Amino acid sequence: MESTGNINMRLVSMIVAVATIGGFMFGYDSGVINGTQKGLESAFDLGSLGLGINVGAILFGSAIGAFVAGRMADQIGRRGVMLIGAILFFVSALLAGLADSSLVFILGRVIGGLGVGAASVIAPVYISEVVPADRRGRLSSIQQVMIIIGLTGSFLANFALARVAGGSTTPFWLGLETWRWMFLLQAVPALIYFVAVLAIPESPRFLVLKGRLAEAEAVLDRLFGAGAGKSKVDDIARSFDATQSKPRLSDLIDKASGKVRTIAWVGIGLAVFQQFVGINVVFYYGATLWQAVGFTEDEALLTNVLSGTLSIAACLLAIALIDRIGRRPLLLMGSLGMAATLATVAFAFSNAVADANGALTLPGNNGIIALIAANAYVVFFNASWGPVMWVMLGEMFPNQIRGSGLAVAGFAQWTANAVVSVGFPSMVTSPGLTWTYVIYAFFALLSFVFVKTMVTETKGIELEQMKG
């Protein structure tokens, strides 16, 4: 058995690797839409509103999936939720890829969204519940790395398929258009995810919650060495509400004041601000955006790959720092960096000019300025708010309210995501790209104030010591 001290690092590594396959699916399913929009418009005769609904359909499913998964995690377990998520990803890949109408496509994407929402909340909480406190930040951050790898994988797959076939709308294998294969490929990692989840143990915190103390002790012994499980099980058991051992959504209401607990509002705030800085505009509309200012489809898809690669590098930086300097410093740094780079993008787009056909171009050096600033923005986000928000949601809630807190915060995160992503095509028309990026920059500044005044550091604190 390979271990560091008494920690079974082989088992811990396997658990993290398997749990974060859900993050990969999260990223791929979210990003694959980026290179398929011309195909969707052509196949289903979509206008700007119709395109926004088809692109955003996954987000409505994700909001529901995150809420339901947070609650189900306390009922059927963390592994059970992951298995259901894998099935949802598989079904979504087939429905979206083979859809013969916009309605069927939307259904497939909503089903995929249920899986994405489940994966987004369950992996951070599962990882936080099985790894040591002093390594929890960097190991939980791997979820964000896998999300970005999934996003980049979808960008690479889209780029490669379009390059080989000659375009995203060109018929390819079996006579199906290339954009359909971009969705169908998701079925392969979905199957791998399902099989891999069967090989990992259930969270010991969930086992204690269900009164399965012997099983919890056995898992903890495997993780932290023989004899470690007994005292840890006792600590976990004491952390649950002695008067109400079964977690409920109403636990988020403080019994003394009758008001929603402050910790719940902090979780919601972190989730909403992560989206209101506009990050998913880059992920969902990147190819369309760059084509709108003069890039070819090939160049736009390649630019997405560059953004994905920089995102992975930024996440690795976050992993190196999160357990050293803490969560709050990274969030504060990210807020200021995003505000500055978004303002720069806004400046570059303020100089855009339209030709006789209405197509935009960025004269002079403005195209290069926009490209550099947009990628710098992606780096700041993925070195801070990208991974840190999910880490904090997975660890900041006390055991009694962790599932409920994640359900509410996850629902808020995906609802905010939907508002930003579905609204973006209309915002491009009015108030325009410049003011859209100004609005995102404003929320980045506001997020700095929020963290400074509301967020408490969680670095190195045991889950049983979290206050709510």
Protein backbone atom coordinates (compact mmCIF):
# COMPACT_ATOMS: atom_id res chain seq x y z
CA MET A 1 0.00 0.00 0.00
CA GLU A 2 1.46 3.30 -1.13
CA SER A 3 0.94 5.97 1.51
CA THR A 4 2.28 9.17 2.98
CA GLY A 5 2.38 8.88 6.76
CA ASN A 6 -0.83 7.10 7.71
CA ILE A 7 -2.73 8.41 4.72
CA ASN A 8 -3.44 5.90 1.98
CA MET A 9 -2.55 8.18 -0.92
CA ARG A 10 -3.22 5.45 -3.48
CA LEU A 11 -6.86 5.23 -2.39
CA VAL A 12 -7.19 9.00 -1.97
CA SER A 13 -5.77 9.54 -5.47
CA MET A 14 -8.12 6.98 -6.97
CA ILE A 15 -11.12 8.58 -5.27
CA VAL A 16 -10.18 12.05 -6.48
CA ALA A 17 -9.49 10.79 -10.01
CA VAL A 18 -12.83 9.01 -10.28
CA ALA A 19 -14.89 11.77 -8.66
CA THR A 20 -13.43 14.37 -10.99
CA ILE A 21 -14.39 12.43 -14.13
CA GLY A 22 -17.72 14.08 -13.38
CA GLY A 23 -15.88 17.40 -13.64
CA PHE A 24 -14.56 16.36 -17.05
CA MET A 25 -18.10 15.53 -18.17
CA PHE A 26 -19.29 18.83 -16.68
CA GLY A 27 -16.70 20.69 -18.76
CA TYR A 28 -17.18 18.74 -21.99
CA ASP A 29 -20.97 18.90 -21.88
CA SER A 30 -20.84 22.64 -21.13
CA GLY A 31 -18.22 23.51 -23.75
CA VAL A 32 -19.22 21.30 -26.68
CA ILE A 33 -22.00 23.74 -27.61
CA ASN A 34 -19.33 26.32 -28.47
CA GLY A 35 -18.53 24.87 -31.91
CA THR A 36 -22.01 23.62 -32.84
CA GLN A 37 -24.03 26.80 -33.10
CA LYS A 38 -23.82 27.15 -36.90
CA GLY A 39 -25.09 23.58 -37.18
CA LEU A 40 -27.95 24.23 -34.77
CA GLU A 41 -28.99 27.38 -36.61
CA SER A 42 -28.95 25.54 -39.94
CA ALA A 43 -30.61 22.30 -38.78
CA PHE A 44 -33.40 23.89 -36.75
CA ASP A 45 -33.74 27.27 -38.52
CA LEU A 46 -33.03 29.25 -35.34
CA GLY A 47 -33.00 33.00 -34.79
CA SER A 48 -31.04 34.72 -32.01
CA LEU A 49 -33.69 33.96 -29.36
CA GLY A 50 -34.03 30.34 -30.47
CA LEU A 51 -30.27 29.91 -30.44
CA GLY A 52 -30.09 31.37 -26.93
CA ILE A 53 -32.74 28.89 -25.72
CA ASN A 54 -31.00 25.90 -27.35
CA VAL A 55 -27.60 26.96 -25.97
CA GLY A 56 -29.02 27.76 -22.54
CA ALA A 57 -31.20 24.65 -22.18
CA ILE A 58 -28.41 22.81 -20.38
CA LEU A 59 -28.32 25.53 -17.75
CA PHE A 60 -31.93 25.14 -16.69
CA GLY A 61 -31.33 21.41 -16.29
CA SER A 62 -28.14 22.15 -14.37
CA ALA A 63 -29.94 24.39 -11.87
CA ILE A 64 -32.47 21.64 -11.16
CA GLY A 65 -29.75 18.96 -11.13
CA ALA A 66 -27.61 20.86 -8.63
CA PHE A 67 -30.54 21.41 -6.27
CA VAL A 68 -31.84 17.84 -6.47
CA ALA A 69 -28.35 16.32 -6.23
CA GLY A 70 -27.57 18.31 -3.09
CA ARG A 71 -30.68 16.90 -1.43
CA MET A 72 -30.32 13.38 -2.88
CA ALA A 73 -26.73 13.20 -1.64
CA ASP A 74 -28.14 13.02 1.90
CA GLN A 75 -30.64 10.33 0.89
CA ILE A 76 -28.97 7.87 -1.53
CA GLY A 77 -25.34 8.83 -0.96
CA ARG A 78 -22.61 10.61 -2.88
CA ARG A 79 -21.84 7.56 -5.06
CA GLY A 80 -25.50 7.06 -5.91
CA VAL A 81 -25.77 10.59 -7.23
CA MET A 82 -22.62 10.14 -9.33
CA LEU A 83 -23.96 6.94 -10.90
CA ILE A 84 -27.21 8.65 -11.85
CA GLY A 85 -25.20 11.54 -13.29
CA ALA A 86 -23.22 9.17 -15.54
CA ILE A 87 -26.46 7.71 -16.92
CA LEU A 88 -27.83 11.20 -17.59
CA PHE A 89 -24.67 12.17 -19.50
CA PHE A 90 -24.95 9.07 -21.69
CA VAL A 91 -28.61 9.62 -22.54
CA SER A 92 -27.98 13.31 -23.24
CA ALA A 93 -25.17 12.55 -25.70
CA LEU A 94 -27.44 10.33 -27.80
CA LEU A 95 -30.47 12.63 -27.72
CA ALA A 96 -28.54 15.83 -28.56
CA GLY A 97 -26.48 14.18 -31.29
CA LEU A 98 -29.41 12.47 -33.00
CA ALA A 99 -32.09 15.13 -32.43
CA ASP A 100 -34.43 15.66 -35.38
CA SER A 101 -35.98 18.81 -33.95
CA SER A 102 -35.13 21.70 -31.68
CA LEU A 103 -37.50 20.31 -29.04
CA VAL A 104 -35.71 16.94 -28.90
CA PHE A 105 -32.35 18.71 -28.80
CA ILE A 106 -33.49 20.90 -25.90
CA LEU A 107 -34.75 17.81 -24.05
CA GLY A 108 -31.37 16.12 -24.52
CA ARG A 109 -29.53 19.18 -23.27
CA VAL A 110 -31.80 19.56 -20.25
CA ILE A 111 -31.09 15.91 -19.35
CA GLY A 112 -27.37 16.60 -19.78
CA GLY A 113 -27.82 19.64 -17.59
CA LEU A 114 -29.23 17.48 -14.81
CA GLY A 115 -25.99 15.49 -14.97
CA VAL A 116 -23.83 18.61 -15.09
CA GLY A 117 -25.62 20.13 -12.10
CA ALA A 118 -25.22 16.91 -10.14
CA ALA A 119 -21.52 16.62 -11.01
CA SER A 120 -20.88 20.26 -10.13
CA VAL A 121 -21.98 19.90 -6.51
CA ILE A 122 -21.30 16.26 -5.70
CA ALA A 123 -17.61 15.99 -6.60
CA PRO A 124 -16.45 18.89 -4.35
CA VAL A 125 -18.41 17.66 -1.33
CA TYR A 126 -17.38 14.03 -1.85
CA ILE A 127 -13.70 14.91 -2.18
CA SER A 128 -13.82 17.27 0.83
CA GLU A 129 -15.33 14.47 2.93
CA VAL A 130 -12.61 11.90 2.24
CA VAL A 131 -9.32 13.85 2.07
CA PRO A 132 -7.18 15.34 4.90
CA ALA A 133 -7.96 18.95 5.87
CA ASP A 134 -4.44 20.19 5.10
CA ARG A 135 -4.70 18.89 1.51
CA ARG A 136 -8.39 19.49 0.94
CA GLY A 137 -7.98 22.73 -1.03
CA ARG A 138 -5.58 21.44 -3.65
CA LEU A 139 -7.24 18.04 -4.02
CA SER A 140 -10.71 19.60 -4.31
CA SER A 141 -9.32 22.07 -6.86
CA ILE A 142 -8.58 19.19 -9.21
CA GLN A 143 -12.30 19.24 -9.96
CA GLN A 144 -11.85 22.63 -11.68
CA VAL A 145 -8.80 21.32 -13.59
CA MET A 146 -10.92 18.46 -14.89
CA ILE A 147 -13.73 20.86 -15.81
CA ILE A 148 -11.26 22.88 -17.88
CA ILE A 149 -9.74 19.71 -19.37
CA GLY A 150 -13.27 18.71 -20.34
CA LEU A 151 -13.89 22.15 -21.86
CA THR A 152 -10.56 22.07 -23.70
CA GLY A 153 -11.25 18.49 -24.79
CA SER A 154 -14.54 19.60 -26.31
CA PHE A 155 -12.82 22.52 -28.03
CA LEU A 156 -10.13 20.19 -29.42
CA ALA A 157 -12.70 17.64 -30.53
CA ASN A 158 -14.78 20.35 -32.20
CA PHE A 159 -11.72 21.81 -33.91
CA ALA A 160 -10.42 18.40 -35.09
CA LEU A 161 -13.81 17.19 -36.34
CA ALA A 162 -14.51 20.46 -38.18
CA ARG A 163 -11.01 20.46 -39.69
CA VAL A 164 -11.21 16.85 -40.91
CA ALA A 165 -14.79 17.11 -42.18
CA GLY A 166 -14.36 20.56 -43.71
CA GLY A 167 -16.75 22.41 -41.42
CA SER A 168 -19.16 21.91 -38.55
CA THR A 169 -22.19 21.61 -40.86
CA THR A 170 -20.60 19.18 -43.34
CA PRO A 171 -21.93 15.57 -43.41
CA PHE A 172 -19.44 13.20 -41.77
CA TRP A 173 -19.50 9.61 -40.44
CA LEU A 174 -22.73 7.71 -41.19
CA GLY A 175 -23.98 10.75 -43.09
CA LEU A 176 -24.51 12.74 -39.87
CA GLU A 177 -23.37 16.36 -39.80
CA THR A 178 -20.10 16.99 -37.97
CA TRP A 179 -21.73 19.01 -35.20
CA ARG A 180 -23.79 15.97 -34.23
CA TRP A 181 -20.64 13.91 -33.67
CA MET A 182 -19.38 16.62 -31.35
CA PHE A 183 -22.24 15.64 -29.01
CA LEU A 184 -22.19 11.89 -29.65
CA LEU A 185 -18.56 11.58 -28.53
CA GLN A 186 -19.69 12.35 -24.95
CA ALA A 187 -21.14 8.86 -24.64
CA VAL A 188 -17.67 7.32 -24.28
CA PRO A 189 -16.47 9.19 -21.13
CA ALA A 190 -19.99 8.84 -19.67
CA LEU A 191 -19.66 5.04 -19.76
CA ILE A 192 -16.15 5.23 -18.26
CA TYR A 193 -17.49 7.44 -15.45
CA PHE A 194 -20.25 4.97 -14.57
CA VAL A 195 -17.90 1.98 -14.37
CA ALA A 196 -15.23 3.90 -12.41
CA VAL A 197 -17.68 5.11 -9.73
CA LEU A 198 -18.47 1.47 -8.88
CA ALA A 199 -14.85 1.05 -7.71
CA ILE A 200 -14.76 3.79 -5.02
CA PRO A 201 -16.18 3.74 -1.45
CA GLU A 202 -19.07 5.80 -0.14
CA SER A 203 -18.34 8.98 1.83
CA PRO A 204 -17.81 8.13 5.53
CA ARG A 205 -19.78 11.25 6.54
CA PHE A 206 -22.81 9.95 4.65
CA LEU A 207 -22.39 6.51 6.23
CA VAL A 208 -22.36 8.06 9.71
CA LEU A 209 -25.43 10.11 8.82
CA LYS A 210 -27.25 6.88 7.94
CA GLY A 211 -26.09 5.11 11.10
CA ARG A 212 -23.82 2.73 9.17
CA LEU A 213 -21.00 3.29 11.66
CA ALA A 214 -19.09 0.07 11.04
CA GLU A 215 -18.92 0.78 7.29
CA ALA A 216 -17.81 4.36 7.96
CA GLU A 217 -15.11 3.15 10.34
CA ALA A 218 -13.87 0.65 7.75
CA VAL A 219 -13.62 3.35 5.06
CA LEU A 220 -11.78 5.71 7.40
CA ASP A 221 -9.38 2.92 8.41
CA ARG A 222 -8.62 2.36 4.73
CA LEU A 223 -8.05 6.09 4.21
CA PHE A 224 -6.10 7.02 7.34
CA GLY A 225 -4.70 3.77 8.72
CA ALA A 226 -5.93 0.97 10.97
CA GLY A 227 -7.48 2.25 14.18
CA ALA A 228 -8.07 5.80 12.90
CA GLY A 229 -11.70 5.22 12.06
CA LYS A 230 -13.22 4.83 15.52
CA SER A 231 -12.33 8.27 16.92
CA LYS A 232 -13.11 9.96 13.61
CA VAL A 233 -16.55 8.35 13.46
CA ASP A 234 -17.26 9.69 16.95
CA ASP A 235 -16.20 13.20 15.89
CA ILE A 236 -18.42 13.08 12.80
CA ALA A 237 -21.41 11.78 14.77
CA ARG A 238 -21.12 14.63 17.28
CA SER A 239 -21.13 17.20 14.47
CA PHE A 240 -24.66 16.33 13.41
CA ASP A 241 -27.56 18.03 15.18
CA ALA A 242 -28.29 15.82 18.18
CA THR A 243 -31.97 16.79 18.14
CA GLN A 244 -32.44 16.20 14.43
CA SER A 245 -30.07 13.68 12.89
CA LYS A 246 -31.75 13.66 9.47
CA PRO A 247 -30.66 16.76 7.49
CA ARG A 248 -33.49 18.86 6.08
CA LEU A 249 -33.70 21.96 3.89
CA SER A 250 -35.18 23.81 6.87
CA ASP A 251 -31.82 23.41 8.64
CA LEU A 252 -30.74 26.49 6.66
CA ILE A 253 -33.07 28.55 8.87
CA ASP A 254 -31.54 29.61 12.16
CA LYS A 255 -33.84 28.32 14.92
CA ALA A 256 -33.11 31.25 17.24
CA SER A 257 -33.71 34.11 14.79
CA GLY A 258 -36.01 32.44 12.27
CA LYS A 259 -33.86 33.86 9.46
CA VAL A 260 -31.77 32.18 6.77
CA ARG A 261 -28.32 31.41 8.17
CA THR A 262 -25.58 33.84 7.13
CA ILE A 263 -23.45 30.95 5.86
CA ALA A 264 -26.21 30.10 3.35
CA TRP A 265 -26.20 33.67 2.01
CA VAL A 266 -22.40 33.56 1.70
CA GLY A 267 -22.64 30.35 -0.31
CA ILE A 268 -25.29 31.88 -2.59
CA GLY A 269 -23.21 35.04 -3.00
CA LEU A 270 -20.08 33.11 -3.98
CA ALA A 271 -22.08 31.06 -6.48
CA VAL A 272 -23.79 34.04 -8.11
CA PHE A 273 -20.72 36.27 -8.34
CA GLN A 274 -18.76 33.46 -9.99
CA GLN A 275 -21.24 33.69 -12.89
CA PHE A 276 -22.03 37.39 -12.98
CA VAL A 277 -18.43 38.16 -14.01
CA GLY A 278 -19.41 36.61 -17.37
CA ILE A 279 -17.00 33.68 -17.59
CA ASN A 280 -19.34 31.36 -19.44
CA VAL A 281 -19.79 33.84 -22.26
CA VAL A 282 -16.21 32.89 -23.15
CA PHE A 283 -16.96 29.17 -22.89
CA TYR A 284 -20.35 29.06 -24.62
CA TYR A 285 -20.04 31.84 -27.18
CA GLY A 286 -16.27 32.11 -27.69
CA ALA A 287 -16.26 30.80 -31.27
CA THR A 288 -19.25 32.93 -32.27
CA LEU A 289 -17.79 36.01 -30.56
CA TRP A 290 -14.40 35.82 -32.28
CA GLN A 291 -16.03 35.15 -35.67
CA ALA A 292 -18.15 38.26 -35.11
CA VAL A 293 -15.00 40.40 -35.02
CA GLY A 294 -13.33 38.93 -38.08
CA PHE A 295 -11.83 35.54 -37.09
CA THR A 296 -12.50 32.57 -39.39
CA GLU A 297 -14.31 29.54 -37.88
CA ASP A 298 -10.99 27.66 -37.83
CA GLU A 299 -9.18 30.53 -36.07
CA ALA A 300 -12.02 30.99 -33.58
CA LEU A 301 -12.05 27.31 -32.60
CA LEU A 302 -8.25 27.36 -32.25
CA THR A 303 -8.51 30.45 -30.00
CA ASN A 304 -10.83 28.45 -27.74
CA VAL A 305 -8.16 25.76 -27.43
CA LEU A 306 -5.63 28.45 -26.41
CA SER A 307 -8.04 29.74 -23.73
CA GLY A 308 -8.56 26.21 -22.43
CA THR A 309 -4.82 25.55 -22.20
CA LEU A 310 -4.23 28.78 -20.29
CA SER A 311 -7.13 27.88 -18.00
CA ILE A 312 -5.49 24.57 -17.06
CA ALA A 313 -2.21 26.34 -16.28
CA ALA A 314 -4.06 28.86 -14.11
CA CYS A 315 -5.86 26.07 -12.22
CA LEU A 316 -2.53 24.40 -11.51
CA LEU A 317 -1.33 27.70 -10.03
CA ALA A 318 -4.42 27.77 -7.80
CA ILE A 319 -3.72 24.20 -6.67
CA ALA A 320 -0.19 25.20 -5.69
CA LEU A 321 -1.37 28.21 -3.67
CA ILE A 322 -4.77 27.41 -2.17
CA ASP A 323 -3.55 25.48 0.89
CA ARG A 324 -0.61 27.86 1.39
CA ILE A 325 -2.09 31.34 1.21
CA GLY A 326 -5.75 30.42 1.65
CA ARG A 327 -9.04 30.88 -0.19
CA ARG A 328 -9.79 34.56 0.51
CA PRO A 329 -6.52 35.98 -0.90
CA LEU A 330 -7.02 34.08 -4.15
CA LEU A 331 -10.61 35.32 -4.46
CA LEU A 332 -9.59 38.93 -3.79
CA MET A 333 -6.73 38.78 -6.28
CA GLY A 334 -9.02 37.22 -8.89
CA SER A 335 -11.71 39.87 -8.46
CA LEU A 336 -9.30 42.74 -9.09
CA GLY A 337 -7.59 40.99 -12.00
CA MET A 338 -10.90 40.18 -13.69
CA ALA A 339 -12.17 43.74 -13.25
CA ALA A 340 -9.06 45.17 -14.93
CA THR A 341 -9.01 42.72 -17.84
CA LEU A 342 -12.75 42.96 -18.49
CA ALA A 343 -12.46 46.75 -18.59
CA THR A 344 -9.66 46.35 -21.16
CA VAL A 345 -11.83 44.07 -23.32
CA ALA A 346 -14.62 46.64 -23.11
CA PHE A 347 -12.22 49.34 -24.28
CA ALA A 348 -11.10 47.23 -27.26
CA PHE A 349 -14.67 46.50 -28.35
CA SER A 350 -15.60 50.17 -28.00
CA ASN A 351 -13.45 50.73 -31.09
CA ALA A 352 -15.19 48.06 -33.21
CA VAL A 353 -16.56 49.13 -36.58
CA ALA A 354 -19.24 47.47 -38.71
CA ASP A 355 -19.02 46.91 -42.47
CA ALA A 356 -21.90 47.22 -44.95
CA ASN A 357 -23.16 43.75 -43.98
CA GLY A 358 -23.08 44.54 -40.26
CA ALA A 359 -20.03 42.35 -39.56
CA LEU A 360 -17.74 43.75 -36.83
CA THR A 361 -14.00 44.29 -37.09
CA LEU A 362 -11.51 45.60 -34.53
CA PRO A 363 -9.21 48.11 -36.27
CA GLY A 364 -5.52 48.59 -35.53
CA ASN A 365 -4.21 46.73 -32.51
CA ASN A 366 -7.60 46.41 -30.86
CA GLY A 367 -8.05 42.81 -31.98
CA ILE A 368 -4.78 41.80 -30.33
CA ILE A 369 -5.61 43.83 -27.20
CA ALA A 370 -9.01 42.12 -26.92
CA LEU A 371 -7.51 38.67 -27.42
CA ILE A 372 -4.74 39.17 -24.82
CA ALA A 373 -7.09 40.79 -22.29
CA ALA A 374 -9.74 38.07 -22.73
CA ASN A 375 -7.18 35.34 -22.15
CA ALA A 376 -5.70 37.19 -19.17
CA TYR A 377 -9.23 37.38 -17.77
CA VAL A 378 -9.60 33.61 -18.19
CA VAL A 379 -6.30 33.12 -16.32
CA PHE A 380 -7.39 35.33 -13.40
CA PHE A 381 -10.72 33.51 -13.17
CA ASN A 382 -9.21 30.03 -13.20
CA ALA A 383 -6.50 30.93 -10.72
CA SER A 384 -9.16 32.11 -8.27
CA TRP A 385 -12.95 32.06 -8.53
CA GLY A 386 -13.07 29.05 -10.84
CA PRO A 387 -11.68 26.44 -8.42
CA VAL A 388 -11.98 28.31 -5.10
CA MET A 389 -15.75 28.80 -5.24
CA TRP A 390 -16.34 25.05 -5.66
CA VAL A 391 -13.76 24.21 -2.97
CA MET A 392 -15.47 26.53 -0.50
CA LEU A 393 -18.97 25.26 -1.27
CA GLY A 394 -17.75 21.72 -0.66
CA GLU A 395 -16.19 22.51 2.72
CA MET A 396 -17.71 25.65 4.28
CA PHE A 397 -21.03 24.21 5.47
CA PRO A 398 -21.28 22.21 8.73
CA ASN A 399 -22.03 18.49 8.26
CA GLN A 400 -25.69 18.93 9.25
CA ILE A 401 -26.43 21.42 6.46
CA ARG A 402 -23.80 20.54 3.81
CA GLY A 403 -26.23 18.83 1.44
CA SER A 404 -28.90 21.52 1.82
CA GLY A 405 -26.37 24.35 1.55
CA LEU A 406 -24.94 22.86 -1.63
CA ALA A 407 -28.43 22.37 -3.06
CA VAL A 408 -29.33 26.03 -2.62
CA ALA A 409 -25.95 27.45 -3.63
CA GLY A 410 -25.71 25.11 -6.61
CA PHE A 411 -29.18 26.11 -7.77
CA ALA A 412 -28.22 29.80 -7.44
CA GLN A 413 -24.98 29.22 -9.39
CA TRP A 414 -26.67 27.57 -12.35
CA THR A 415 -29.57 30.03 -12.34
CA ALA A 416 -27.07 32.90 -12.53
CA ASN A 417 -25.23 31.01 -15.28
CA ALA A 418 -28.48 30.73 -17.25
CA VAL A 419 -29.29 34.43 -16.82
CA VAL A 420 -25.85 35.44 -18.14
CA SER A 421 -25.62 32.91 -20.96
CA VAL A 422 -29.15 33.11 -22.32
CA GLY A 423 -29.14 36.90 -22.07
CA PHE A 424 -25.80 37.40 -23.83
CA PRO A 425 -27.00 37.21 -27.48
CA SER A 426 -29.60 39.90 -26.80
CA MET A 427 -27.08 42.04 -24.87
CA VAL A 428 -24.76 41.99 -27.89
CA THR A 429 -27.54 43.82 -29.76
CA SER A 430 -28.43 46.14 -26.89
CA PRO A 431 -26.63 47.63 -24.99
CA GLY A 432 -23.80 46.20 -27.14
CA LEU A 433 -20.54 44.31 -26.49
CA THR A 434 -18.78 47.26 -24.87
CA TRP A 435 -21.39 47.87 -22.17
CA THR A 436 -21.86 44.13 -21.67
CA TYR A 437 -18.21 43.80 -20.67
CA VAL A 438 -18.45 46.95 -18.54
CA ILE A 439 -21.30 45.28 -16.62
CA TYR A 440 -19.18 42.15 -16.06
CA ALA A 441 -16.29 44.32 -14.85
CA PHE A 442 -18.63 46.04 -12.37
CA PHE A 443 -19.67 42.69 -10.89
CA ALA A 444 -16.01 41.69 -10.62
CA LEU A 445 -15.38 44.80 -8.48
CA LEU A 446 -18.50 44.08 -6.45
CA SER A 447 -17.27 40.53 -5.81
CA PHE A 448 -14.11 42.00 -4.23
CA VAL A 449 -16.26 43.93 -1.74
CA PHE A 450 -18.36 40.84 -1.04
CA VAL A 451 -15.34 38.65 -0.23
CA LYS A 452 -13.73 41.37 1.87
CA THR A 453 -16.82 41.82 4.04
CA MET A 454 -18.59 38.44 4.07
CA VAL A 455 -16.24 35.50 3.40
CA THR A 456 -14.37 33.73 6.21
CA GLU A 457 -11.19 31.74 5.57
CA THR A 458 -11.61 27.92 5.69
CA LYS A 459 -8.03 26.83 5.03
CA GLY A 460 -6.97 23.87 7.20
CA ILE A 461 -10.19 23.74 9.26
CA GLU A 462 -11.66 20.26 9.83
CA LEU A 463 -15.15 19.78 8.42
CA GLU A 464 -16.46 18.96 11.90
CA GLN A 465 -15.28 22.41 13.06
CA MET A 466 -17.07 24.44 10.39
CA LYS A 467 -19.47 26.98 11.89
CA GLY A 468 -22.86 27.80 10.40
